[in-house]
Amino acid sequence: MLIYKILRPEEWTALQEAGETLGAPIDITDGYVHFSTAGEAAETAAKHFAGVEGLLLLAYDAETLGGALKWEPSRGGALFPHLYGPLRLDQVVWHKPLPLENGQHIFPEDLA
């Protein structure tokens, strides 16, 4: 199963340069990297990244993240994937831009 991480341009650059990161400031504060499922990603973008240009959507295979990935209740009791460890560049399955059109981020049609 693929899970998704939304990064700002500077966070993507930092991940590319270092090969790994503890995530965005909110990830560091919370002590884990926030991921979303395909069904949660658009709401996450709207809630936490409204109006932000240049975002990237990264896909990760949940099974390759091992025991560091925990499914925990969040918005409305839904289970969200949280990674208790670094986000690694070599584990990215794919990455795509999230263009902003008319105030909404446009997600890839093949988001699975």
C-alpha atoms as a PDB file:
ATOM      1  CA  MET A   1       0.000   0.000   0.000  1.00  0.00           C
ATOM      2  CA  LEU A   2       1.301   3.422  -0.910  1.00  0.00           C
ATOM      3  CA  ILE A   3       1.174   6.245   1.623  1.00  0.00           C
ATOM      4  CA  TYR A   4       1.954   9.877   0.927  1.00  0.00           C
ATOM      5  CA  LYS A   5       4.009  12.737   2.304  1.00  0.00           C
ATOM      6  CA  ILE A   6       3.537  16.345   1.208  1.00  0.00           C
ATOM      7  CA  LEU A   7       6.675  18.489   1.307  1.00  0.00           C
ATOM      8  CA  ARG A   8       7.322  22.165   0.763  1.00  0.00           C
ATOM      9  CA  PRO A   9      10.050  22.941  -1.811  1.00  0.00           C
ATOM     10  CA  GLU A  10      12.702  23.667   0.829  1.00  0.00           C
ATOM     11  CA  GLU A  11      11.890  20.418   2.670  1.00  0.00           C
ATOM     12  CA  TRP A  12      12.228  18.445  -0.583  1.00  0.00           C
ATOM     13  CA  THR A  13      15.582  20.119  -1.270  1.00  0.00           C
ATOM     14  CA  ALA A  14      16.808  19.274   2.239  1.00  0.00           C
ATOM     15  CA  LEU A  15      15.755  15.633   1.787  1.00  0.00           C
ATOM     16  CA  GLN A  16      17.551  15.441  -1.557  1.00  0.00           C
ATOM     17  CA  GLU A  17      20.727  16.983  -0.145  1.00  0.00           C
ATOM     18  CA  ALA A  18      20.917  14.970   3.097  1.00  0.00           C
ATOM     19  CA  GLY A  19      19.282  11.731   1.960  1.00  0.00           C
ATOM     20  CA  GLU A  20      17.018  11.770   4.999  1.00  0.00           C
ATOM     21  CA  THR A  21      15.132  14.164   7.233  1.00  0.00           C
ATOM     22  CA  LEU A  22      13.065  14.189  10.397  1.00  0.00           C
ATOM     23  CA  GLY A  23      10.410  16.015   8.374  1.00  0.00           C
ATOM     24  CA  ALA A  24       8.688  19.343   8.502  1.00  0.00           C
ATOM     25  CA  PRO A  25       8.659  21.480  11.661  1.00  0.00           C
ATOM     26  CA  ILE A  26       5.349  19.892  12.768  1.00  0.00           C
ATOM     27  CA  ASP A  27       6.843  16.412  12.327  1.00  0.00           C
ATOM     28  CA  ILE A  28       9.826  17.339  14.485  1.00  0.00           C
ATOM     29  CA  THR A  29       7.557  18.874  17.138  1.00  0.00           C
ATOM     30  CA  ASP A  30       5.246  15.821  17.214  1.00  0.00           C
ATOM     31  CA  GLY A  31       8.133  13.331  17.187  1.00  0.00           C
ATOM     32  CA  TYR A  32       7.077  11.474  14.035  1.00  0.00           C
ATOM     33  CA  VAL A  33       6.660  12.028  10.299  1.00  0.00           C
ATOM     34  CA  HIS A  34       3.025  12.567   9.300  1.00  0.00           C
ATOM     35  CA  PHE A  35       1.858  10.564   6.278  1.00  0.00           C
ATOM     36  CA  SER A  36      -1.568  10.340   4.627  1.00  0.00           C
ATOM     37  CA  THR A  37      -3.369   7.614   2.740  1.00  0.00           C
ATOM     38  CA  ALA A  38      -4.701   8.312  -0.754  1.00  0.00           C
ATOM     39  CA  GLY A  39      -8.090   9.108   0.758  1.00  0.00           C
ATOM     40  CA  GLU A  40      -6.629  11.502   3.324  1.00  0.00           C
ATOM     41  CA  ALA A  41      -4.062  13.370   1.216  1.00  0.00           C
ATOM     42  CA  ALA A  42      -6.349  16.027  -0.297  1.00  0.00           C
ATOM     43  CA  GLU A  43      -7.802  16.925   3.100  1.00  0.00           C
ATOM     44  CA  THR A  44      -4.290  17.112   4.545  1.00  0.00           C
ATOM     45  CA  ALA A  45      -3.241  19.486   1.757  1.00  0.00           C
ATOM     46  CA  ALA A  46      -6.305  21.687   2.256  1.00  0.00           C
ATOM     47  CA  LYS A  47      -5.929  21.792   6.032  1.00  0.00           C
ATOM     48  CA  HIS A  48      -2.162  22.210   6.410  1.00  0.00           C
ATOM     49  CA  PHE A  49      -0.936  23.582   3.064  1.00  0.00           C
ATOM     50  CA  ALA A  50      -3.717  25.921   1.888  1.00  0.00           C
ATOM     51  CA  GLY A  51      -2.376  28.339  -0.728  1.00  0.00           C
ATOM     52  CA  VAL A  52       1.183  26.968  -0.618  1.00  0.00           C
ATOM     53  CA  GLU A  53       2.839  26.855  -4.043  1.00  0.00           C
ATOM     54  CA  GLY A  54       5.464  24.380  -5.210  1.00  0.00           C
ATOM     55  CA  LEU A  55       4.445  21.402  -3.068  1.00  0.00           C
ATOM     56  CA  LEU A  56       5.625  17.901  -3.861  1.00  0.00           C
ATOM     57  CA  LEU A  57       3.788  14.672  -3.214  1.00  0.00           C
ATOM     58  CA  LEU A  58       6.008  11.732  -2.302  1.00  0.00           C
ATOM     59  CA  ALA A  59       4.788   8.137  -2.358  1.00  0.00           C
ATOM     60  CA  TYR A  60       6.198   5.506  -0.010  1.00  0.00           C
ATOM     61  CA  ASP A  61       5.436   1.805   0.228  1.00  0.00           C
ATOM     62  CA  ALA A  62       4.099   1.311   3.766  1.00  0.00           C
ATOM     63  CA  GLU A  63       5.410  -2.249   3.918  1.00  0.00           C
ATOM     64  CA  THR A  64       9.035  -1.176   3.368  1.00  0.00           C
ATOM     65  CA  LEU A  65       8.968   1.210   6.346  1.00  0.00           C
ATOM     66  CA  GLY A  66       8.856  -1.671   8.829  1.00  0.00           C
ATOM     67  CA  GLY A  67       8.100  -1.371  12.511  1.00  0.00           C
ATOM     68  CA  ALA A  68       8.835   2.362  12.574  1.00  0.00           C
ATOM     69  CA  LEU A  69       5.460   2.941  10.856  1.00  0.00           C
ATOM     70  CA  LYS A  70       2.498   3.069  13.235  1.00  0.00           C
ATOM     71  CA  TRP A  71      -1.180   3.534  12.360  1.00  0.00           C
ATOM     72  CA  GLU A  72      -2.687   5.889  14.921  1.00  0.00           C
ATOM     73  CA  PRO A  73      -6.042   7.672  15.325  1.00  0.00           C
ATOM     74  CA  SER A  74      -6.191  11.284  14.203  1.00  0.00           C
ATOM     75  CA  ARG A  75      -8.887  13.414  12.494  1.00  0.00           C
ATOM     76  CA  GLY A  76     -12.288  11.964  13.326  1.00  0.00           C
ATOM     77  CA  GLY A  77     -10.731   8.770  14.660  1.00  0.00           C
ATOM     78  CA  ALA A  78      -9.352   7.771  11.246  1.00  0.00           C
ATOM     79  CA  LEU A  79      -6.070   5.872  11.353  1.00  0.00           C
ATOM     80  CA  PHE A  80      -3.161   7.829   9.935  1.00  0.00           C
ATOM     81  CA  PRO A  81       0.316   6.451   9.193  1.00  0.00           C
ATOM     82  CA  HIS A  82       3.037   7.957  11.374  1.00  0.00           C
ATOM     83  CA  LEU A  83       6.720   7.185  10.873  1.00  0.00           C
ATOM     84  CA  TYR A  84       8.824   7.101  14.037  1.00  0.00           C
ATOM     85  CA  GLY A  85      12.139   7.538  12.314  1.00  0.00           C
ATOM     86  CA  PRO A  86      13.706   9.527   9.507  1.00  0.00           C
ATOM     87  CA  LEU A  87      12.076  10.053   6.138  1.00  0.00           C
ATOM     88  CA  ARG A  88      14.555   8.578   3.656  1.00  0.00           C
ATOM     89  CA  LEU A  89      15.093   9.596   0.059  1.00  0.00           C
ATOM     90  CA  ASP A  90      16.061   6.065  -1.023  1.00  0.00           C
ATOM     91  CA  GLN A  91      12.615   4.796   0.036  1.00  0.00           C
ATOM     92  CA  VAL A  92      10.648   7.208  -2.182  1.00  0.00           C
ATOM     93  CA  VAL A  93       8.646   5.184  -4.729  1.00  0.00           C
ATOM     94  CA  TRP A  94       7.831   8.297  -6.778  1.00  0.00           C
ATOM     95  CA  HIS A  95       7.410  12.040  -6.386  1.00  0.00           C
ATOM     96  CA  LYS A  96       5.194  14.443  -8.310  1.00  0.00           C
ATOM     97  CA  PRO A  97       4.369  18.136  -8.131  1.00  0.00           C
ATOM     98  CA  LEU A  98       1.115  19.294  -6.542  1.00  0.00           C
ATOM     99  CA  PRO A  99       0.178  22.303  -8.654  1.00  0.00           C
ATOM    100  CA  LEU A 100      -2.099  24.921  -7.139  1.00  0.00           C
ATOM    101  CA  GLU A 101      -5.043  25.862  -9.362  1.00  0.00           C
ATOM    102  CA  ASN A 102      -7.891  28.117  -8.259  1.00  0.00           C
ATOM    103  CA  GLY A 103      -6.809  27.739  -4.642  1.00  0.00           C
ATOM    104  CA  GLN A 104      -6.763  23.919  -4.640  1.00  0.00           C
ATOM    105  CA  HIS A 105      -3.923  21.464  -5.063  1.00  0.00           C
ATOM    106  CA  ILE A 106      -4.307  19.157  -8.034  1.00  0.00           C
ATOM    107  CA  PHE A 107      -3.451  15.565  -7.174  1.00  0.00           C
ATOM    108  CA  PRO A 108      -2.249  12.991  -9.709  1.00  0.00           C
ATOM    109  CA  GLU A 109      -5.081  11.076 -11.356  1.00  0.00           C
ATOM    110  CA  ASP A 110      -3.380   7.774 -10.595  1.00  0.00           C
ATOM    111  CA  LEU A 111      -3.230   8.340  -6.829  1.00  0.00           C
ATOM    112  CA  ALA A 112      -3.768   4.838  -5.483  1.00  0.00           C
END
